[in-house]
Amino acid sequence: MSSQDNPNPQNDSGAAEIRKGLAGVVVDYTAISKVNPETNSLLYQGYPVQELAAQKTFEEVALLLWNGELPEASELTAFEAMERANRALDEKVKAAIDLLPDDCHPMDVCRTATSVIGAGHSLAEDTSAEAQLRKAQELFAAMPAVVAYDQRRRHGLPLVPPREDLGYSANLLWMTFGEEAAPEVVAAFNTSMILYAEHSFNASTFTARVITSTLADLHSAVTGAIGALKGPLHGGANEAVMHTFEEISAAGVDPSEWLADALAQKKKIMGFGHRVYKNGDSRVPTMRAALDDMAEHYGKTELLELYTGLEEAMAEAKDIKPNLDYPAGLVYHLMGFDTPTFTPLFVAARITGWTAHIMEQAGANSLIRPLSAYNGSDERHLS
């Protein structure tokens, strides 16, 4: 009998085998993405993500993740028209955002907005494949307005309406800053969206699949995924990276000196290491190239010295390499995004991966319901 058939898998000592954090546990199949250990490449439906980031738009990659193949020209044109027609911030969603305090975390805004969008959707309870895809695509189109408006309202700035003549990445930047971004900035942002779009059974994606396995609706699953992504051990790491750089700059010390002190205090250094990658995050070189471009574009090349200094110090002290959050946080900072907005940008990207997994889970569903090993008090009774 296999461990899949055995309700109480045991180790050689006869005790229940516990895999904390589900480390090493394979719970299902997916055709959406994988890390190829031979090339250390993250593959989206078989394509290395660095190739996609260099040659494709985020809209094309979204269709790849949902449909399994890159779109034909006519399919892409139709999708772009649909996406651009669904960009405007719904008045009810805006009203819900305006009720939230200005000092709540922007991820709370993403979570609430997603729930409101779902509650008002005409296909809210329709779980057919066609309805799921439509809801996924419309949420993809709607989230940039949520992220952009939330940053603006915290600065007392009005809503900027979307522009249908701009691509996804250019439009998100337009709605956030109220001015058209330079082509190199749009390209760097497009790169970040593609690199953040999908990463197999990470914590938030698995959360979405667990919720989907109960036959809950798509927006409920995405709302739960946003909650998982908010945590600093997952999506919040890109924010923590920026706080680290601010702390080093404020202290006026060399990155190696700061790191030695932080490690002595047993602080967790965010932006480094990854459970999946053993030879470094394959997405980092592509994002680092985008960071180099942005540092030059904005005339902030001194940030690269800080970046490289901490990277080298971490390699020497712990032999740990950066993950995607390390360069991405600095790129978003250079573009002008508030640090708390970094993870909502992750949301805007990861909606593609989450919804692809939601549809995959629903297509061959089995309720995800693991067991636990009890280690509490023996049976006892009231006297």
Protein backbone atom coordinates (compact mmCIF):
# COMPACT_ATOMS: atom_id res chain seq x y z
CA MET A 1 0.00 0.00 0.00
CA SER A 2 1.41 3.41 -1.00
CA SER A 3 1.57 6.46 1.26
CA GLN A 4 -1.28 7.88 -0.85
CA ASP A 5 -3.49 4.95 0.13
CA ASN A 6 -2.37 4.82 3.75
CA PRO A 7 -4.33 7.31 5.91
CA ASN A 8 -1.56 7.29 8.51
CA PRO A 9 1.85 7.12 6.78
CA GLN A 10 4.60 6.07 9.17
CA ASN A 11 8.36 6.20 9.25
CA ASP A 12 10.64 3.28 10.04
CA SER A 13 10.11 3.71 13.78
CA GLY A 14 6.36 3.25 13.41
CA ALA A 15 5.55 6.86 14.29
CA ALA A 16 3.51 9.10 12.02
CA GLU A 17 5.77 10.85 9.51
CA ILE A 18 5.39 14.61 9.83
CA ARG A 19 6.53 16.89 7.01
CA LYS A 20 6.44 20.35 8.55
CA GLY A 21 5.38 22.91 5.98
CA LEU A 22 4.60 19.97 3.64
CA ALA A 23 8.27 20.04 2.69
CA GLY A 24 8.98 17.44 0.03
CA VAL A 25 5.34 16.33 -0.19
CA VAL A 26 4.00 15.99 -3.74
CA VAL A 27 0.24 16.51 -3.54
CA ASP A 28 -0.86 16.69 -7.18
CA TYR A 29 0.10 17.15 -10.81
CA THR A 30 0.26 20.48 -12.64
CA ALA A 31 0.97 21.33 -16.25
CA ILE A 32 1.24 25.07 -15.59
CA SER A 33 4.84 25.51 -14.44
CA LYS A 34 7.90 23.76 -13.09
CA VAL A 35 11.53 24.40 -12.25
CA ASN A 36 13.75 22.38 -14.56
CA PRO A 37 16.63 21.26 -12.28
CA GLU A 38 18.89 20.49 -15.24
CA THR A 39 18.84 24.07 -16.53
CA ASN A 40 17.70 25.74 -13.27
CA SER A 41 14.99 27.41 -15.36
CA LEU A 42 11.44 28.25 -14.35
CA LEU A 43 9.19 27.02 -17.15
CA TYR A 44 5.71 28.35 -17.92
CA GLN A 45 3.88 25.67 -19.90
CA GLY A 46 7.34 24.50 -21.00
CA TYR A 47 8.80 27.89 -21.95
CA PRO A 48 11.74 29.31 -19.93
CA VAL A 49 10.43 32.43 -18.21
CA GLN A 50 13.50 34.47 -19.11
CA GLU A 51 12.72 33.93 -22.81
CA LEU A 52 9.13 34.98 -22.29
CA ALA A 53 10.20 38.09 -20.38
CA ALA A 54 12.57 39.07 -23.19
CA GLN A 55 10.16 38.55 -26.07
CA LYS A 56 6.52 38.62 -24.93
CA THR A 57 4.03 40.96 -23.34
CA PHE A 58 2.37 40.17 -20.05
CA GLU A 59 -0.94 39.75 -21.90
CA GLU A 60 0.59 37.01 -24.07
CA VAL A 61 2.00 35.24 -21.02
CA ALA A 62 -1.36 35.41 -19.25
CA LEU A 63 -3.01 33.64 -22.17
CA LEU A 64 -0.20 31.07 -22.17
CA LEU A 65 -0.78 30.28 -18.51
CA TRP A 66 -4.55 30.00 -18.92
CA ASN A 67 -4.68 28.16 -22.24
CA GLY A 68 -1.44 26.20 -22.37
CA GLU A 69 -0.24 27.76 -25.62
CA LEU A 70 0.89 31.19 -26.75
CA PRO A 71 -1.93 33.02 -28.51
CA GLU A 72 -2.42 33.49 -32.22
CA ALA A 73 -2.53 37.13 -33.36
CA SER A 74 -6.33 37.18 -33.59
CA GLU A 75 -6.72 35.63 -30.14
CA LEU A 76 -4.37 38.18 -28.61
CA THR A 77 -6.18 41.06 -30.30
CA ALA A 78 -9.53 39.88 -28.97
CA PHE A 79 -8.17 39.45 -25.46
CA GLU A 80 -6.52 42.87 -25.46
CA ALA A 81 -9.83 44.46 -26.49
CA MET A 82 -11.67 42.65 -23.68
CA GLU A 83 -9.00 43.54 -21.10
CA ARG A 84 -8.97 47.22 -22.06
CA ALA A 85 -12.77 47.39 -21.89
CA ASN A 86 -12.75 46.09 -18.29
CA ARG A 87 -10.03 48.32 -16.77
CA ALA A 88 -12.17 51.01 -15.18
CA LEU A 89 -12.58 50.94 -11.41
CA ASP A 90 -16.16 49.93 -10.64
CA GLU A 91 -17.95 52.58 -8.56
CA LYS A 92 -18.99 50.03 -5.92
CA VAL A 93 -15.42 48.78 -5.62
CA LYS A 94 -14.15 52.36 -5.33
CA ALA A 95 -16.73 53.07 -2.62
CA ALA A 96 -15.57 50.00 -0.68
CA ILE A 97 -11.93 51.08 -0.95
CA ASP A 98 -12.83 54.59 0.23
CA LEU A 99 -14.35 53.08 3.38
CA LEU A 100 -11.02 51.51 4.32
CA PRO A 101 -8.59 53.51 6.47
CA ASP A 102 -5.66 55.17 4.73
CA ASP A 103 -3.24 53.44 7.10
CA CYS A 104 -4.42 49.87 6.49
CA HIS A 105 -2.06 47.71 4.48
CA PRO A 106 -2.62 47.92 0.71
CA MET A 107 -2.98 44.14 0.66
CA ASP A 108 -6.12 44.59 2.76
CA VAL A 109 -7.43 46.76 -0.07
CA CYS A 110 -6.64 44.11 -2.70
CA ARG A 111 -8.31 41.44 -0.61
CA THR A 112 -11.44 43.53 0.01
CA ALA A 113 -11.70 44.70 -3.59
CA THR A 114 -11.46 41.14 -4.89
CA SER A 115 -14.25 40.06 -2.57
CA VAL A 116 -16.47 42.95 -3.67
CA ILE A 117 -15.77 42.24 -7.35
CA GLY A 118 -16.71 38.62 -6.82
CA ALA A 119 -19.86 39.37 -4.84
CA GLY A 120 -21.16 41.57 -7.64
CA HIS A 121 -20.20 39.39 -10.58
CA SER A 122 -23.05 38.08 -12.71
CA LEU A 123 -21.31 34.70 -12.94
CA ALA A 124 -20.29 34.55 -9.27
CA GLU A 125 -21.61 31.03 -8.67
CA ASP A 126 -21.06 29.68 -12.19
CA THR A 127 -18.16 27.22 -12.06
CA SER A 128 -18.22 26.19 -15.72
CA ALA A 129 -14.88 26.38 -17.50
CA GLU A 130 -16.11 29.25 -19.68
CA ALA A 131 -17.31 31.28 -16.69
CA GLN A 132 -14.12 30.64 -14.74
CA LEU A 133 -11.96 31.88 -17.60
CA ARG A 134 -14.09 34.99 -18.06
CA LYS A 135 -13.90 35.82 -14.35
CA ALA A 136 -10.15 35.25 -14.36
CA GLN A 137 -9.64 37.56 -17.33
CA GLU A 138 -11.89 40.28 -15.94
CA LEU A 139 -10.14 40.19 -12.56
CA PHE A 140 -6.82 40.44 -14.38
CA ALA A 141 -8.13 43.57 -16.09
CA ALA A 142 -9.62 45.12 -12.96
CA MET A 143 -6.81 44.73 -10.41
CA PRO A 144 -4.43 47.39 -11.79
CA ALA A 145 -7.03 50.09 -11.12
CA VAL A 146 -7.37 48.87 -7.53
CA VAL A 147 -3.61 48.96 -6.93
CA ALA A 148 -3.12 52.31 -8.66
CA TYR A 149 -6.05 54.06 -7.00
CA ASP A 150 -5.07 52.87 -3.54
CA GLN A 151 -1.59 54.35 -3.83
CA ARG A 152 -3.01 57.63 -5.12
CA ARG A 153 -5.69 58.00 -2.45
CA ARG A 154 -3.08 57.67 0.29
CA HIS A 155 -1.39 60.76 -1.15
CA GLY A 156 -4.64 62.70 -1.50
CA LEU A 157 -4.60 62.32 -5.28
CA PRO A 158 -7.66 61.64 -7.45
CA LEU A 159 -8.38 58.56 -9.52
CA VAL A 160 -6.71 58.47 -12.93
CA PRO A 161 -8.98 56.79 -15.52
CA PRO A 162 -7.45 54.02 -17.65
CA ARG A 163 -6.35 54.52 -21.24
CA GLU A 164 -7.40 52.00 -23.85
CA ASP A 165 -4.53 52.95 -26.17
CA LEU A 166 -1.91 51.62 -23.76
CA GLY A 167 -0.83 48.03 -23.06
CA TYR A 168 -1.36 46.46 -19.65
CA SER A 169 1.96 47.50 -18.11
CA ALA A 170 1.97 51.01 -19.55
CA ASN A 171 -1.61 51.54 -18.39
CA LEU A 172 -0.93 50.44 -14.82
CA LEU A 173 1.94 52.92 -14.63
CA TRP A 174 -0.30 55.63 -16.16
CA MET A 175 -3.11 55.05 -13.63
CA THR A 176 -0.63 55.14 -10.75
CA PHE A 177 1.43 58.20 -11.66
CA GLY A 178 -0.80 60.14 -14.08
CA GLU A 179 1.88 60.39 -16.73
CA GLU A 180 3.00 58.17 -19.56
CA ALA A 181 6.04 56.11 -18.64
CA ALA A 182 9.17 55.92 -20.75
CA PRO A 183 9.42 52.81 -22.95
CA GLU A 184 12.33 51.41 -20.90
CA VAL A 185 10.30 51.76 -17.69
CA VAL A 186 7.34 49.98 -19.28
CA ALA A 187 9.68 47.21 -20.45
CA ALA A 188 11.15 46.73 -16.95
CA PHE A 189 7.69 46.68 -15.40
CA ASN A 190 6.45 44.17 -17.99
CA THR A 191 9.44 41.98 -17.11
CA SER A 192 8.57 42.05 -13.42
CA MET A 193 4.94 41.11 -14.09
CA ILE A 194 5.97 38.12 -16.18
CA LEU A 195 8.52 36.92 -13.64
CA TYR A 196 5.99 37.20 -10.79
CA ALA A 197 3.10 35.65 -12.73
CA GLU A 198 3.44 32.02 -11.64
CA HIS A 199 5.52 29.70 -9.49
CA SER A 200 3.87 26.30 -9.09
CA PHE A 201 2.57 25.20 -5.66
CA ASN A 202 3.79 28.13 -3.57
CA ALA A 203 1.90 29.04 -0.39
CA SER A 204 -0.67 31.37 -1.95
CA THR A 205 -1.29 29.16 -4.98
CA PHE A 206 -1.77 26.13 -2.76
CA THR A 207 -4.17 28.18 -0.65
CA ALA A 208 -6.17 28.98 -3.79
CA ARG A 209 -6.24 25.31 -4.77
CA VAL A 210 -7.36 24.22 -1.29
CA ILE A 211 -10.23 26.70 -1.39
CA THR A 212 -11.13 25.66 -4.93
CA SER A 213 -11.16 22.02 -3.87
CA THR A 214 -14.15 22.76 -1.62
CA LEU A 215 -16.03 23.94 -4.75
CA ALA A 216 -15.90 27.55 -3.58
CA ASP A 217 -16.01 30.26 -6.24
CA LEU A 218 -13.00 31.72 -8.04
CA HIS A 219 -13.05 35.07 -6.23
CA SER A 220 -13.10 33.34 -2.84
CA ALA A 221 -10.03 31.35 -3.85
CA VAL A 222 -8.19 34.47 -5.03
CA THR A 223 -9.18 36.35 -1.88
CA GLY A 224 -7.65 33.57 0.22
CA ALA A 225 -4.52 33.58 -1.93
CA ILE A 226 -4.12 37.31 -1.36
CA GLY A 227 -4.28 36.69 2.38
CA ALA A 228 -1.50 34.11 2.08
CA LEU A 229 0.61 36.40 -0.10
CA LYS A 230 0.43 39.20 2.46
CA GLY A 231 2.75 37.36 4.83
CA PRO A 232 6.39 38.47 4.95
CA LEU A 233 7.60 34.92 4.37
CA HIS A 234 5.88 34.96 0.98
CA GLY A 235 4.87 38.06 -1.01
CA GLY A 236 5.72 40.56 1.68
CA ALA A 237 9.40 39.79 1.21
CA ASN A 238 9.77 42.38 -1.54
CA GLU A 239 8.65 45.07 0.91
CA ALA A 240 11.04 43.78 3.56
CA VAL A 241 13.93 44.06 1.10
CA MET A 242 13.31 47.79 0.75
CA HIS A 243 13.13 48.21 4.51
CA THR A 244 16.52 46.48 4.73
CA PHE A 245 18.09 48.94 2.31
CA GLU A 246 16.54 51.86 4.18
CA GLU A 247 17.95 50.50 7.44
CA ILE A 248 21.45 50.10 6.01
CA SER A 249 21.36 53.61 4.52
CA ALA A 250 20.10 55.15 7.76
CA ALA A 251 22.85 53.41 9.75
CA GLY A 252 25.51 54.71 7.37
CA VAL A 253 27.46 51.45 7.58
CA ASP A 254 28.89 49.02 5.07
CA PRO A 255 26.39 46.28 4.06
CA SER A 256 28.74 43.59 5.40
CA GLU A 257 28.85 45.30 8.78
CA TRP A 258 25.07 45.61 8.89
CA LEU A 259 24.68 41.96 7.90
CA ALA A 260 27.09 40.72 10.56
CA ASP A 261 25.11 42.56 13.22
CA ALA A 262 21.78 41.33 11.83
CA LEU A 263 22.95 37.72 11.76
CA ALA A 264 24.31 38.04 15.30
CA GLN A 265 20.80 39.07 16.34
CA LYS A 266 19.43 36.07 14.41
CA LYS A 267 17.39 38.27 12.11
CA LYS A 268 15.92 36.68 8.99
CA ILE A 269 17.33 38.45 5.93
CA MET A 270 14.50 38.77 3.44
CA GLY A 271 15.10 38.52 -0.29
CA PHE A 272 17.60 35.68 -0.03
CA GLY A 273 17.21 31.93 -0.43
CA HIS A 274 14.37 29.91 -1.91
CA ARG A 275 12.97 26.50 -1.02
CA VAL A 276 12.78 25.43 -4.68
CA TYR A 277 16.06 26.74 -6.10
CA LYS A 278 19.29 25.13 -4.97
CA ASN A 279 21.57 27.01 -7.36
CA GLY A 280 20.02 30.45 -7.17
CA ASP A 281 16.65 31.81 -8.31
CA SER A 282 16.63 31.54 -12.11
CA ARG A 283 14.52 34.70 -12.39
CA VAL A 284 17.10 36.94 -10.70
CA PRO A 285 19.47 37.57 -13.67
CA THR A 286 16.58 38.85 -15.79
CA MET A 287 15.27 41.09 -13.00
CA ARG A 288 18.79 42.28 -12.16
CA ALA A 289 19.24 43.39 -15.78
CA ALA A 290 16.01 45.36 -15.47
CA LEU A 291 17.30 46.88 -12.22
CA ASP A 292 20.52 47.96 -13.95
CA ASP A 293 18.46 49.63 -16.66
CA MET A 294 16.25 51.43 -14.13
CA ALA A 295 19.18 52.60 -11.99
CA GLU A 296 20.74 54.15 -15.09
CA HIS A 297 17.43 55.59 -16.31
CA TYR A 298 16.72 57.31 -12.98
CA GLY A 299 20.35 58.23 -12.28
CA LYS A 300 20.48 56.17 -9.07
CA THR A 301 23.44 53.90 -9.76
CA GLU A 302 24.63 54.26 -6.14
CA LEU A 303 21.82 51.87 -5.17
CA LEU A 304 23.56 49.16 -7.18
CA GLU A 305 26.62 49.43 -4.92
CA LEU A 306 24.41 48.80 -1.89
CA TYR A 307 22.64 45.97 -3.70
CA THR A 308 25.89 44.29 -4.73
CA GLY A 309 27.50 44.86 -1.34
CA LEU A 310 24.74 43.06 0.56
CA GLU A 311 24.55 40.30 -2.06
CA GLU A 312 28.28 39.63 -1.79
CA ALA A 313 28.23 39.82 2.02
CA MET A 314 25.37 37.31 2.19
CA ALA A 315 27.17 34.95 -0.19
CA GLU A 316 30.32 35.09 1.94
CA ALA A 317 28.56 34.78 5.30
CA LYS A 318 25.88 32.20 4.49
CA ASP A 319 26.46 31.06 0.89
CA ILE A 320 22.87 32.08 0.08
CA LYS A 321 21.85 33.77 -3.16
CA PRO A 322 19.12 36.36 -3.79
CA ASN A 323 15.60 35.51 -4.88
CA LEU A 324 13.33 37.53 -7.19
CA ASP A 325 12.14 39.85 -4.42
CA TYR A 326 15.65 41.23 -3.95
CA PRO A 327 15.99 43.11 -7.28
CA ALA A 328 12.24 43.59 -7.82
CA GLY A 329 11.77 45.69 -4.70
CA LEU A 330 14.43 48.16 -5.81
CA VAL A 331 12.96 48.35 -9.33
CA TYR A 332 9.54 49.26 -7.94
CA HIS A 333 11.13 51.80 -5.60
CA LEU A 334 12.94 53.49 -8.47
CA MET A 335 9.71 53.68 -10.46
CA GLY A 336 8.05 55.57 -7.61
CA PHE A 337 5.82 52.94 -6.06
CA ASP A 338 5.32 53.16 -2.30
CA THR A 339 6.98 50.27 -0.51
CA PRO A 340 3.66 48.86 0.82
CA THR A 341 2.41 48.76 -2.80
CA PHE A 342 5.08 46.26 -3.84
CA THR A 343 3.09 43.20 -2.78
CA PRO A 344 -0.14 44.42 -4.44
CA LEU A 345 1.88 44.58 -7.66
CA PHE A 346 2.73 40.94 -6.99
CA VAL A 347 -1.03 40.33 -6.72
CA ALA A 348 -1.67 41.97 -10.08
CA ALA A 349 0.88 39.63 -11.64
CA ARG A 350 0.03 36.44 -9.76
CA ILE A 351 -3.69 36.62 -10.56
CA THR A 352 -2.70 34.88 -13.79
CA GLY A 353 -1.00 31.97 -12.04
CA TRP A 354 -3.59 31.69 -9.28
CA THR A 355 -6.51 31.56 -11.67
CA ALA A 356 -4.72 29.10 -13.94
CA HIS A 357 -4.31 26.79 -10.95
CA ILE A 358 -7.89 27.38 -9.81
CA MET A 359 -9.13 26.23 -13.20
CA GLU A 360 -6.73 23.29 -13.26
CA GLN A 361 -7.83 22.21 -9.77
CA ALA A 362 -11.50 22.51 -10.67
CA GLY A 363 -10.96 20.49 -13.84
CA ALA A 364 -9.79 17.39 -11.95
CA ASN A 365 -10.92 18.12 -8.43
CA SER A 366 -10.39 16.22 -5.22
CA LEU A 367 -11.03 17.78 -1.81
CA ILE A 368 -7.70 18.68 -0.22
CA ARG A 369 -7.98 17.48 3.34
CA PRO A 370 -4.73 16.33 5.00
CA LEU A 371 -4.46 14.51 8.31
CA SER A 372 -2.72 15.57 11.50
CA ALA A 373 -0.88 13.66 14.21
CA TYR A 374 -2.36 14.44 17.62
CA ASN A 375 0.09 15.31 20.41
CA GLY A 376 -2.25 16.79 23.01
CA SER A 377 -3.56 15.40 26.29
CA ASP A 378 -4.73 11.82 26.59
CA GLU A 379 -8.47 11.29 26.84
CA ARG A 380 -9.81 12.75 30.07
CA HIS A 381 -13.23 13.34 31.60
CA LEU A 382 -15.05 15.90 33.65
CA SER A 383 -15.38 14.73 37.25
